[in-house]
């Protein structure tokens, strides 16, 4: 069964200010903007995504009530009420709930200095948390909402056509290239990330798979890689890779064969299959992908002449003080390995520059015991300077 046209419901106490969504999201499908008092059963059931403003301060009807049980104070509380309603009366309809806020940084800081969007969403029982007027590199807010809405519409179509299936077909959702030489390895990598595509997916109408992708896969380097990790793997500079992706059709064509095009493909920007990238590196270097010079030469001669070699012996992607990946790689010897609370065991290793770890006690506490000695040596060395 074909996916129905996605529908987005925006709930905001200031409807006129929220009308931006109708224009920006016009290409997604149907967009409805409602004040909290005006949301109907029809609005809710017809939605693929419910986008709720975090701060609901202008809600007189709520404030006039006596019972605190009838007073959801913010968007998180309202999402819980609406989700409960759907689970009780419309269980077969998968709907994604997301928050959007102009104070997301404040919300993140109040919950901890290392909180990111996916972490806040996980802790608040939401699919995602958006920052107003902000988006990751290479993607816009409307594109993110569109990707989420389309994914939910696909789940709804699958539920309608095959409700009794015990296992969800990840290949059809992730669109793994079946004919590629690396396809089997890619699916092995997927399985290592513990996808919830059996009982949990059936019980949640597929929502567990969407959450897995949003909370545990896309924010981390695992079987999918973003452009930062791709640049390091190819031993080229990130600015030159971004420029070439924008201007060089030859490079886009080469990387398209290993690009991720499944559900939520553009949600956090472009992603590439790690197994596909490794296979491409093998082909580019004639079977010698671990020789840095050969890889740099192959990338610039066979992928794009505008790519600039990354002159590092053993480069790694580093995290910043908020544990977000940075655009500037570092030599492995200048970094220490860290284990943030939410970093999945199947993700590639996480690295902080030694000076960044030393500068922040909270980050220093995340350093693995095997690297503590190096951290202490750096402290002593800098204290004598």
Protein backbone atom coordinates (compact mmCIF):
# COMPACT_ATOMS: atom_id res chain seq x y z
CA UNK A 1 0.00 0.00 0.00
CA UNK A 2 1.35 3.44 -0.93
CA UNK A 3 2.12 5.87 1.87
CA UNK A 4 -0.54 8.46 2.50
CA UNK A 5 0.33 12.11 2.15
CA UNK A 6 2.08 13.24 5.35
CA UNK A 7 0.32 15.63 7.68
CA UNK A 8 1.84 17.93 10.31
CA UNK A 9 -0.07 19.37 13.26
CA UNK A 10 1.51 22.42 14.92
CA UNK A 11 0.23 23.25 18.39
CA UNK A 12 1.15 26.68 19.72
CA UNK A 13 -0.43 29.06 22.21
CA UNK A 14 0.43 31.90 19.83
CA UNK A 15 -1.13 30.75 16.60
CA UNK A 16 -0.24 33.81 14.54
CA UNK A 17 3.45 33.36 15.32
CA UNK A 18 3.23 29.66 14.50
CA UNK A 19 1.79 30.31 11.03
CA UNK A 20 5.36 30.20 9.74
CA UNK A 21 4.92 26.45 9.61
CA UNK A 22 2.19 26.56 7.00
CA UNK A 23 4.47 28.30 4.51
CA UNK A 24 7.77 26.60 5.34
CA UNK A 25 6.25 23.13 5.47
CA UNK A 26 3.94 23.52 2.50
CA UNK A 27 5.90 20.93 0.54
CA UNK A 28 5.52 18.31 3.26
CA UNK A 29 1.81 17.73 2.90
CA UNK A 30 -1.11 18.98 4.93
CA UNK A 31 -0.15 21.43 7.68
CA UNK A 32 -2.55 22.48 10.44
CA UNK A 33 -1.83 25.12 13.06
CA UNK A 34 -3.95 24.99 16.20
CA UNK A 35 -4.11 26.62 19.61
CA UNK A 36 -4.21 24.00 22.39
CA UNK A 37 -7.94 24.57 22.98
CA UNK A 38 -8.75 24.03 19.30
CA UNK A 39 -7.12 20.63 18.71
CA UNK A 40 -9.69 18.02 17.72
CA UNK A 41 -9.70 14.27 17.51
CA UNK A 42 -9.67 14.58 13.73
CA UNK A 43 -6.60 16.83 13.80
CA UNK A 44 -4.72 14.38 15.97
CA UNK A 45 -5.62 11.15 14.20
CA UNK A 46 -4.87 12.61 10.76
CA UNK A 47 -1.35 13.71 11.74
CA UNK A 48 1.95 12.07 10.93
CA UNK A 49 3.84 14.48 13.17
CA UNK A 50 2.59 16.60 16.08
CA UNK A 51 4.90 19.57 16.63
CA UNK A 52 4.32 21.32 19.97
CA UNK A 53 5.75 24.59 21.25
CA UNK A 54 7.67 24.03 24.47
CA UNK A 55 6.42 27.14 26.27
CA UNK A 56 2.62 27.29 26.50
CA UNK A 57 2.19 30.46 28.52
CA UNK A 58 -0.79 32.10 26.80
CA UNK A 59 -3.48 29.54 27.59
CA UNK A 60 -6.24 31.26 29.63
CA UNK A 61 -8.69 28.35 29.60
CA UNK A 62 -6.10 26.05 31.18
CA UNK A 63 -5.02 28.61 33.74
CA UNK A 64 -8.64 29.18 34.86
CA UNK A 65 -9.10 25.55 35.88
CA UNK A 66 -8.81 24.46 39.49
CA UNK A 67 -7.55 20.89 39.07
CA UNK A 68 -3.81 20.60 38.50
CA UNK A 69 -4.47 17.33 36.66
CA UNK A 70 -6.02 19.36 33.84
CA UNK A 71 -3.11 21.76 33.53
CA UNK A 72 -0.27 20.50 31.29
CA UNK A 73 2.30 23.20 31.94
CA UNK A 74 4.43 22.86 28.83
CA UNK A 75 4.77 21.08 25.51
CA UNK A 76 6.32 17.98 27.05
CA UNK A 77 3.32 17.51 29.36
CA UNK A 78 0.82 18.15 26.55
CA UNK A 79 2.58 15.62 24.31
CA UNK A 80 2.19 13.02 27.06
CA UNK A 81 -1.55 13.68 27.29
CA UNK A 82 -2.06 13.47 23.53
CA UNK A 83 0.09 10.36 23.14
CA UNK A 84 -1.90 8.64 25.89
CA UNK A 85 -5.12 9.55 24.09
CA UNK A 86 -3.88 8.06 20.82
CA UNK A 87 -2.59 4.91 22.50
CA UNK A 88 -5.97 4.37 24.12
CA UNK A 89 -8.35 5.15 21.25
CA UNK A 90 -6.24 5.04 18.05
CA UNK A 91 -3.55 2.46 18.76
CA UNK A 92 -3.03 1.47 15.12
CA UNK A 93 -1.99 4.98 14.11
CA UNK A 94 1.74 5.73 14.62
CA UNK A 95 2.30 9.43 15.28
CA UNK A 96 5.60 11.17 16.05
CA UNK A 97 5.61 13.82 18.76
CA UNK A 98 8.25 16.54 18.67
CA UNK A 99 8.95 19.67 20.64
CA UNK A 100 10.19 22.94 19.20
CA UNK A 101 11.64 25.66 21.35
CA UNK A 102 13.46 28.96 21.13
CA UNK A 103 15.11 28.15 24.45
CA UNK A 104 16.44 24.72 23.62
CA UNK A 105 19.93 25.56 24.83
CA UNK A 106 18.50 26.59 28.19
CA UNK A 107 16.45 23.41 28.30
CA UNK A 108 19.53 21.35 27.50
CA UNK A 109 21.70 23.12 30.07
CA UNK A 110 19.09 22.66 32.78
CA UNK A 111 19.27 18.92 32.23
CA UNK A 112 23.04 18.72 31.98
CA UNK A 113 25.90 20.27 29.98
CA UNK A 114 26.16 17.31 27.61
CA UNK A 115 22.50 17.12 26.62
CA UNK A 116 21.83 17.08 22.90
CA UNK A 117 18.56 17.10 21.00
CA UNK A 118 18.24 13.33 20.77
CA UNK A 119 19.12 12.89 24.44
CA UNK A 120 16.47 15.38 25.57
CA UNK A 121 13.93 13.70 23.29
CA UNK A 122 14.74 10.30 24.75
CA UNK A 123 14.41 11.52 28.33
CA UNK A 124 11.11 13.28 27.65
CA UNK A 125 9.46 10.44 25.70
CA UNK A 126 9.51 12.37 22.43
CA UNK A 127 10.73 11.47 18.96
CA UNK A 128 12.69 14.72 18.60
CA UNK A 129 13.31 18.18 20.01
CA UNK A 130 13.85 21.01 17.52
CA UNK A 131 15.51 24.37 18.17
CA UNK A 132 13.65 27.25 16.57
CA UNK A 133 15.66 28.91 13.79
CA UNK A 134 18.44 26.32 14.09
CA UNK A 135 19.27 23.20 12.12
CA UNK A 136 22.30 20.93 11.59
CA UNK A 137 24.69 21.74 8.70
CA UNK A 138 23.33 20.85 5.30
CA UNK A 139 19.65 20.60 6.25
CA UNK A 140 16.82 23.00 7.06
CA UNK A 141 14.11 22.80 9.70
CA UNK A 142 11.36 22.17 7.09
CA UNK A 143 13.46 19.39 5.57
CA UNK A 144 13.84 17.77 8.98
CA UNK A 145 10.10 17.90 9.68
CA UNK A 146 9.39 16.62 6.16
CA UNK A 147 11.74 13.66 6.63
CA UNK A 148 10.06 12.75 9.91
CA UNK A 149 6.56 13.14 8.46
CA UNK A 150 7.37 11.00 5.41
CA UNK A 151 8.87 8.30 7.63
CA UNK A 152 5.75 8.20 9.78
CA UNK A 153 3.50 8.06 6.72
CA UNK A 154 5.46 5.03 5.49
CA UNK A 155 4.98 3.32 8.84
CA UNK A 156 1.26 4.02 8.70
CA UNK A 157 1.03 2.50 5.22
CA UNK A 158 2.95 -0.57 6.33
CA UNK A 159 0.68 -1.00 9.36
CA UNK A 160 -2.40 -0.78 7.18
CA UNK A 161 -1.16 -3.39 4.71
CA UNK A 162 0.60 -5.92 6.98
CA UNK A 163 -0.37 -5.65 10.62
CA UNK A 164 0.28 -9.26 11.54
CA UNK A 165 3.90 -9.53 10.40
CA UNK A 166 6.11 -10.43 13.37
CA UNK A 167 9.28 -8.89 11.94
CA UNK A 168 9.67 -5.61 10.11
CA UNK A 169 11.69 -5.63 6.90
CA UNK A 170 14.59 -3.31 7.65
CA UNK A 171 15.89 -3.61 4.11
CA UNK A 172 12.80 -1.88 2.78
CA UNK A 173 12.91 0.83 5.42
CA UNK A 174 16.65 1.49 5.26
CA UNK A 175 16.85 0.80 1.51
CA UNK A 176 20.04 -1.22 1.70
CA UNK A 177 21.40 -1.71 -1.85
CA UNK A 178 20.69 -5.41 -2.34
CA UNK A 179 22.91 -5.86 -5.39
CA UNK A 180 25.99 -4.12 -3.96
CA UNK A 181 28.98 -6.28 -3.06
CA UNK A 182 28.96 -4.78 0.43
CA UNK A 183 25.22 -5.20 1.10
CA UNK A 184 25.63 -8.25 3.35
CA UNK A 185 28.27 -6.47 5.43
CA UNK A 186 26.01 -3.44 5.74
CA UNK A 187 23.20 -5.58 7.16
CA UNK A 188 25.66 -7.20 9.58
CA UNK A 189 26.59 -3.71 10.76
CA UNK A 190 22.89 -2.89 11.18
CA UNK A 191 22.30 -6.01 13.26
CA UNK A 192 25.23 -5.12 15.53
CA UNK A 193 23.34 -1.93 16.44
CA UNK A 194 20.45 -3.95 17.90
CA UNK A 195 17.54 -2.67 15.79
CA UNK A 196 14.16 -3.12 17.53
CA UNK A 197 12.36 -4.55 14.51
CA UNK A 198 10.62 -7.54 16.06
CA UNK A 199 8.27 -7.41 19.06
CA UNK A 200 8.99 -3.78 19.93
CA UNK A 201 8.36 -2.64 16.38
CA UNK A 202 5.12 -4.58 16.15
CA UNK A 203 3.86 -3.30 19.49
CA UNK A 204 4.79 0.33 18.71
CA UNK A 205 3.55 0.21 15.09
CA UNK A 206 7.12 0.79 13.92
CA UNK A 207 7.75 3.81 16.12
CA UNK A 208 10.56 1.96 17.91
CA UNK A 209 12.51 1.82 14.63
CA UNK A 210 12.12 5.56 14.09
CA UNK A 211 13.27 6.24 17.65
CA UNK A 212 16.21 3.89 17.22
CA UNK A 213 17.32 5.81 14.16
CA UNK A 214 16.74 9.23 15.73
CA UNK A 215 18.14 8.53 19.19
CA UNK A 216 20.75 5.80 18.68
CA UNK A 217 21.95 5.78 15.07
CA UNK A 218 21.91 9.12 13.23
CA UNK A 219 23.61 11.13 16.02
CA UNK A 220 26.54 8.69 16.20
CA UNK A 221 29.11 7.18 13.81
CA UNK A 222 28.05 3.58 13.37
CA UNK A 223 26.79 1.85 10.21
CA UNK A 224 26.06 5.32 8.78
CA UNK A 225 28.68 8.07 8.60
CA UNK A 226 28.21 11.82 8.29
CA UNK A 227 30.46 14.08 6.21
CA UNK A 228 32.93 14.65 9.07
CA UNK A 229 33.67 10.96 9.44
CA UNK A 230 33.61 10.48 5.67
CA UNK A 231 36.26 13.18 5.20
CA UNK A 232 38.55 11.61 7.80
CA UNK A 233 38.09 8.18 6.27
CA UNK A 234 38.99 9.50 2.83
CA UNK A 235 41.91 11.53 4.27
CA UNK A 236 40.62 14.81 2.80
CA UNK A 237 39.74 18.12 4.43
CA UNK A 238 36.13 18.67 5.37
CA UNK A 239 35.80 22.10 3.66
CA UNK A 240 37.06 20.64 0.39
CA UNK A 241 34.67 17.70 0.67
CA UNK A 242 31.72 20.00 1.29
CA UNK A 243 32.69 22.19 -1.65
CA UNK A 244 33.14 19.21 -3.95
CA UNK A 245 29.80 17.72 -2.91
CA UNK A 246 28.19 21.01 -3.89
CA UNK A 247 29.98 21.52 -7.21
CA UNK A 248 31.44 18.26 -8.54
CA UNK A 249 28.92 15.96 -10.20
CA UNK A 250 31.57 13.27 -10.63
CA UNK A 251 32.07 13.03 -6.87
CA UNK A 252 28.33 13.10 -6.17
CA UNK A 253 27.83 10.25 -8.62
CA UNK A 254 30.59 8.17 -7.04
CA UNK A 255 29.29 8.71 -3.50
CA UNK A 256 25.66 8.29 -4.49
CA UNK A 257 26.26 4.57 -4.84
CA UNK A 258 27.14 4.35 -1.14
CA UNK A 259 24.78 7.05 0.10
CA UNK A 260 21.97 6.36 2.56
CA UNK A 261 18.51 6.96 1.08
CA UNK A 262 16.23 5.14 3.53
CA UNK A 263 13.79 6.67 6.00
CA UNK A 264 15.04 9.84 7.71
CA UNK A 265 17.85 10.02 5.16
CA UNK A 266 18.19 13.82 5.32
CA UNK A 267 17.05 14.37 8.87
CA UNK A 268 20.48 15.28 10.26
CA UNK A 269 22.18 15.88 6.93
CA UNK A 270 23.69 13.46 4.45
CA UNK A 271 24.78 10.00 5.53
CA UNK A 272 26.77 7.26 3.80
CA UNK A 273 26.90 3.53 4.46
CA UNK A 274 30.13 2.73 6.30
CA UNK A 275 30.37 -0.66 4.57
CA UNK A 276 29.93 1.07 1.21
CA UNK A 277 32.58 3.68 1.98
CA UNK A 278 35.02 0.96 3.04
CA UNK A 279 34.34 -0.94 -0.19
CA UNK A 280 34.82 2.24 -2.20
CA UNK A 281 38.15 2.89 -0.47
CA UNK A 282 39.24 -0.66 -1.30
CA UNK A 283 38.44 -0.13 -4.97
CA UNK A 284 40.04 3.31 -5.14
CA UNK A 285 43.33 2.06 -3.71
CA UNK A 286 43.38 -1.28 -5.55
CA UNK A 287 43.08 -3.19 -2.29
CA UNK A 288 45.34 -1.01 -0.13
CA UNK A 289 42.92 1.24 1.84
CA UNK A 290 45.11 1.42 4.95
CA UNK A 291 47.96 3.21 3.19
CA UNK A 292 47.26 6.92 3.87
CA UNK A 293 49.29 8.24 0.93
CA UNK A 294 47.63 5.86 -1.50
CA UNK A 295 44.21 6.83 -0.20
CA UNK A 296 44.89 10.57 -0.44
CA UNK A 297 46.16 10.18 -3.98
CA UNK A 298 43.23 8.00 -5.00
CA UNK A 299 40.66 10.39 -3.49
CA UNK A 300 42.02 13.41 -5.34
CA UNK A 301 42.63 11.63 -8.65
CA UNK A 302 39.66 9.28 -8.84
CA UNK A 303 36.94 11.09 -6.88
CA UNK A 304 37.51 14.81 -7.37
CA UNK A 305 40.51 16.95 -8.20
CA UNK A 306 39.12 19.68 -5.95
CA UNK A 307 39.51 17.53 -2.84
CA UNK A 308 42.42 18.60 -0.65
CA UNK A 309 44.47 15.94 1.16
CA UNK A 310 44.34 15.87 4.94
CA UNK A 311 47.96 16.04 6.04
CA UNK A 312 47.69 13.98 9.19
CA UNK A 313 49.20 10.64 10.11
CA UNK A 314 46.24 9.23 12.04
CA UNK A 315 43.30 11.69 12.02
CA UNK A 316 40.17 11.28 14.14
CA UNK A 317 36.95 13.25 14.47
CA UNK A 318 36.91 15.05 17.80
CA UNK A 319 34.08 16.17 20.07
CA UNK A 320 33.71 19.65 21.51
CA UNK A 321 33.06 20.57 25.14
CA UNK A 322 29.37 19.72 24.66
CA UNK A 323 30.29 16.37 23.10
CA UNK A 324 29.16 17.36 19.63
CA UNK A 325 31.38 16.36 16.68
CA UNK A 326 33.58 19.20 15.47
CA UNK A 327 34.56 20.13 11.94
CA UNK A 328 38.29 20.08 12.79
CA UNK A 329 39.94 16.65 13.12
CA UNK A 330 43.00 16.01 15.24
CA UNK A 331 45.86 13.57 15.39
CA UNK A 332 45.03 10.49 17.44
CA UNK A 333 48.09 11.10 19.60
CA UNK A 334 46.69 14.49 20.64
CA UNK A 335 43.43 13.00 21.90
CA UNK A 336 42.06 10.83 24.67
CA UNK A 337 39.17 8.40 24.41
CA UNK A 338 35.99 9.24 26.29
CA UNK A 339 32.84 7.29 27.08
CA UNK A 340 29.85 9.65 27.38
CA UNK A 341 26.81 8.26 29.18
CA UNK A 342 24.72 7.88 26.06
CA UNK A 343 27.46 6.81 23.62
CA UNK A 344 26.40 3.42 22.21
CA UNK A 345 28.86 0.54 22.53
CA UNK A 346 28.50 -0.21 18.83
CA UNK A 347 29.44 3.33 17.74
CA UNK A 348 32.95 4.21 16.68
CA UNK A 349 35.18 5.47 19.47
CA UNK A 350 34.71 8.98 20.84
CA UNK A 351 37.68 11.36 21.13
CA UNK A 352 38.42 14.62 22.91
CA UNK A 353 41.50 16.73 22.45
CA UNK A 354 43.63 16.37 25.55
CA UNK A 355 43.52 20.11 26.29
CA UNK A 356 39.71 20.12 26.05
CA UNK A 357 39.47 17.22 28.49
CA UNK A 358 41.84 18.91 30.93
CA UNK A 359 39.95 22.21 30.72
CA UNK A 360 36.62 20.74 31.85
CA UNK A 361 36.37 18.48 34.92
CA UNK A 362 33.09 17.02 33.66
CA UNK A 363 34.73 15.98 30.40
CA UNK A 364 37.85 14.76 32.19
CA UNK A 365 35.65 12.39 34.18
CA UNK A 366 34.59 10.74 30.91
CA UNK A 367 38.13 9.79 29.91
CA UNK A 368 38.75 6.05 29.83
CA UNK A 369 41.01 4.70 32.55
CA UNK A 370 43.54 3.62 29.93
CA UNK A 371 44.04 7.29 28.97
CA UNK A 372 44.01 8.80 32.48
CA UNK A 373 47.80 8.61 32.69
CA UNK A 374 48.20 10.68 29.54
CA UNK A 375 45.75 13.20 30.93
CA UNK A 376 47.70 13.53 34.16
CA UNK A 377 50.99 13.90 32.27
CA UNK A 378 49.49 16.74 30.25
CA UNK A 379 48.29 18.46 33.43
CA UNK A 380 51.77 18.26 34.96
CA UNK A 381 53.46 19.44 31.78
CA UNK A 382 51.22 22.47 31.41
CA UNK A 383 51.42 23.37 35.10
CA UNK A 384 55.20 23.88 34.78
CA UNK A 385 54.95 26.14 31.76
